[in-house]
Amino acid sequence: MSKKLKQKQAKQGTYALCITIGIIIGVGLGALVDNLLVLILVGAVGGAGTAYYFNHLKRSSRH
C-alpha cells in the first residue's frame, strides 16, 4: 500500500468514527429532549466538524 492511500483511508476512518459517535450521542440526547431528528443531525454535523478539525491539524502540533 502506498503512503497516500494509507493517509486517505485514515482520514476516511476518522470521519466515519466521529460522525458515528455524533449520531449515537444525538440519539441519546434526542430521546431525553424528545426532538430526535434535530439532535441526530446536529450530532452528525458536529462529528463531521470534529473529524475535519482532527484531519487538518498542523503536523507540527502532532508529536
N, C-alpha and C. Protein backbone atom coordinates (compact mmCIF):
# COMPACT_ATOMS: atom_id res chain seq x y z
N MET A 1 0.83 -1.18 0.00
CA MET A 1 0.00 0.00 0.00
C MET A 1 0.87 1.24 0.00
N SER A 2 0.45 2.20 -0.78
CA SER A 2 1.22 3.44 -0.82
C SER A 2 0.90 4.30 0.40
N LYS A 3 1.78 5.24 0.65
CA LYS A 3 1.62 6.12 1.80
C LYS A 3 0.39 7.01 1.64
N LYS A 4 0.12 7.49 0.42
CA LYS A 4 -1.05 8.34 0.18
C LYS A 4 -2.35 7.57 0.42
N LEU A 5 -2.39 6.33 0.01
CA LEU A 5 -3.59 5.52 0.19
C LEU A 5 -3.85 5.28 1.67
N LYS A 6 -2.80 5.03 2.44
CA LYS A 6 -2.95 4.83 3.88
C LYS A 6 -3.47 6.10 4.56
N GLN A 7 -2.95 7.25 4.15
CA GLN A 7 -3.40 8.51 4.73
C GLN A 7 -4.86 8.79 4.38
N LYS A 8 -5.25 8.48 3.14
CA LYS A 8 -6.64 8.69 2.72
C LYS A 8 -7.57 7.79 3.52
N GLN A 9 -7.18 6.55 3.71
CA GLN A 9 -8.02 5.63 4.48
C GLN A 9 -8.10 6.05 5.93
N ALA A 10 -7.03 6.58 6.47
CA ALA A 10 -7.04 7.05 7.85
C ALA A 10 -7.99 8.23 8.00
N LYS A 11 -7.99 9.15 7.04
CA LYS A 11 -8.90 10.29 7.09
C LYS A 11 -10.35 9.82 6.99
N GLN A 12 -10.63 8.88 6.10
CA GLN A 12 -11.99 8.36 5.95
C GLN A 12 -12.44 7.67 7.24
N GLY A 13 -11.54 6.97 7.87
CA GLY A 13 -11.86 6.30 9.13
C GLY A 13 -12.16 7.29 10.24
N THR A 14 -11.41 8.39 10.26
CA THR A 14 -11.66 9.43 11.27
C THR A 14 -13.03 10.04 11.06
N TYR A 15 -13.39 10.34 9.82
CA TYR A 15 -14.72 10.89 9.53
C TYR A 15 -15.80 9.90 9.96
N ALA A 16 -15.64 8.63 9.59
CA ALA A 16 -16.66 7.63 9.93
C ALA A 16 -16.83 7.50 11.44
N LEU A 17 -15.73 7.46 12.16
CA LEU A 17 -15.78 7.31 13.61
C LEU A 17 -16.45 8.51 14.27
N CYS A 18 -16.03 9.71 13.90
CA CYS A 18 -16.57 10.92 14.54
C CYS A 18 -18.05 11.12 14.20
N ILE A 19 -18.45 10.87 12.96
CA ILE A 19 -19.86 11.02 12.60
C ILE A 19 -20.71 9.98 13.32
N THR A 20 -20.21 8.75 13.42
CA THR A 20 -20.95 7.71 14.13
C THR A 20 -21.13 8.07 15.60
N ILE A 21 -20.08 8.55 16.23
CA ILE A 21 -20.18 8.96 17.64
C ILE A 21 -21.17 10.11 17.79
N GLY A 22 -21.14 11.06 16.85
CA GLY A 22 -22.09 12.17 16.89
C GLY A 22 -23.53 11.71 16.76
N ILE A 23 -23.78 10.75 15.89
CA ILE A 23 -25.13 10.22 15.71
C ILE A 23 -25.58 9.49 16.97
N ILE A 24 -24.71 8.70 17.56
CA ILE A 24 -25.07 7.97 18.78
C ILE A 24 -25.39 8.93 19.92
N ILE A 25 -24.58 9.97 20.06
CA ILE A 25 -24.85 10.98 21.10
C ILE A 25 -26.17 11.70 20.79
N GLY A 26 -26.41 11.99 19.51
CA GLY A 26 -27.65 12.64 19.12
C GLY A 26 -28.87 11.79 19.43
N VAL A 27 -28.78 10.49 19.22
CA VAL A 27 -29.90 9.59 19.54
C VAL A 27 -30.14 9.59 21.05
N GLY A 28 -29.07 9.53 21.81
CA GLY A 28 -29.21 9.52 23.27
C GLY A 28 -29.82 10.80 23.80
N LEU A 29 -29.33 11.94 23.33
CA LEU A 29 -29.87 13.21 23.78
C LEU A 29 -31.26 13.46 23.20
N GLY A 30 -31.51 12.99 21.99
CA GLY A 30 -32.82 13.16 21.37
C GLY A 30 -33.92 12.45 22.13
N ALA A 31 -33.61 11.31 22.69
CA ALA A 31 -34.60 10.58 23.48
C ALA A 31 -34.92 11.33 24.76
N LEU A 32 -33.95 12.01 25.31
CA LEU A 32 -34.18 12.79 26.53
C LEU A 32 -34.96 14.08 26.27
N VAL A 33 -34.69 14.71 25.13
CA VAL A 33 -35.27 16.02 24.84
C VAL A 33 -36.53 15.90 23.98
N ASP A 34 -36.85 14.73 23.47
CA ASP A 34 -37.99 14.47 22.59
C ASP A 34 -37.90 15.21 21.26
N ASN A 35 -36.71 15.40 20.76
CA ASN A 35 -36.52 16.01 19.45
C ASN A 35 -35.41 15.23 18.74
N LEU A 36 -35.73 14.02 18.33
CA LEU A 36 -34.74 13.06 17.86
C LEU A 36 -34.05 13.49 16.57
N LEU A 37 -34.82 13.87 15.56
CA LEU A 37 -34.24 14.15 14.25
C LEU A 37 -33.26 15.32 14.29
N VAL A 38 -33.62 16.38 14.96
CA VAL A 38 -32.76 17.56 15.01
C VAL A 38 -31.45 17.24 15.72
N LEU A 39 -31.50 16.54 16.82
CA LEU A 39 -30.27 16.24 17.55
C LEU A 39 -29.41 15.21 16.84
N ILE A 40 -30.01 14.30 16.08
CA ILE A 40 -29.21 13.38 15.27
C ILE A 40 -28.45 14.16 14.21
N LEU A 41 -29.13 15.10 13.55
CA LEU A 41 -28.46 15.91 12.53
C LEU A 41 -27.38 16.79 13.13
N VAL A 42 -27.66 17.38 14.28
CA VAL A 42 -26.65 18.21 14.95
C VAL A 42 -25.45 17.36 15.35
N GLY A 43 -25.69 16.15 15.84
CA GLY A 43 -24.60 15.25 16.21
C GLY A 43 -23.75 14.85 15.01
N ALA A 44 -24.41 14.56 13.88
CA ALA A 44 -23.67 14.18 12.67
C ALA A 44 -22.84 15.35 12.15
N VAL A 45 -23.41 16.54 12.15
CA VAL A 45 -22.66 17.73 11.69
C VAL A 45 -21.51 18.03 12.65
N GLY A 46 -21.78 17.91 13.94
CA GLY A 46 -20.72 18.12 14.93
C GLY A 46 -19.60 17.10 14.78
N GLY A 47 -19.95 15.86 14.51
CA GLY A 47 -18.94 14.82 14.28
C GLY A 47 -18.12 15.09 13.04
N ALA A 48 -18.78 15.56 11.97
CA ALA A 48 -18.05 15.88 10.74
C ALA A 48 -17.10 17.06 10.98
N GLY A 49 -17.55 18.03 11.76
CA GLY A 49 -16.69 19.17 12.09
C GLY A 49 -15.49 18.76 12.92
N THR A 50 -15.73 17.87 13.85
CA THR A 50 -14.64 17.38 14.69
C THR A 50 -13.63 16.59 13.86
N ALA A 51 -14.11 15.75 12.95
CA ALA A 51 -13.21 14.99 12.09
C ALA A 51 -12.41 15.91 11.18
N TYR A 52 -13.06 16.95 10.66
CA TYR A 52 -12.35 17.93 9.83
C TYR A 52 -11.23 18.59 10.64
N TYR A 53 -11.56 18.97 11.86
CA TYR A 53 -10.55 19.59 12.73
C TYR A 53 -9.37 18.64 12.97
N PHE A 54 -9.66 17.37 13.30
CA PHE A 54 -8.59 16.41 13.55
C PHE A 54 -7.75 16.15 12.31
N ASN A 55 -8.38 16.12 11.14
CA ASN A 55 -7.65 15.82 9.91
C ASN A 55 -6.84 17.01 9.40
N HIS A 56 -7.16 18.20 9.84
CA HIS A 56 -6.46 19.38 9.34
C HIS A 56 -5.61 20.08 10.39
N LEU A 57 -5.26 19.38 11.45
CA LEU A 57 -4.31 19.93 12.42
C LEU A 57 -2.96 20.07 11.75
N LYS A 58 -2.22 21.06 12.15
CA LYS A 58 -0.88 21.20 11.59
C LYS A 58 -0.01 20.07 12.09
N ARG A 59 0.83 19.58 11.22
CA ARG A 59 1.69 18.45 11.60
C ARG A 59 2.67 18.83 12.70
N SER A 60 3.04 20.09 12.81
CA SER A 60 4.00 20.49 13.84
C SER A 60 3.40 20.36 15.23
N SER A 61 2.05 20.39 15.34
CA SER A 61 1.43 20.29 16.66
C SER A 61 1.27 18.83 17.09
N ARG A 62 1.43 17.91 16.14
CA ARG A 62 1.35 16.48 16.49
C ARG A 62 2.73 15.99 16.90
N HIS A 63 2.76 15.24 17.99
CA HIS A 63 4.05 14.70 18.45
C HIS A 63 3.98 13.21 18.54
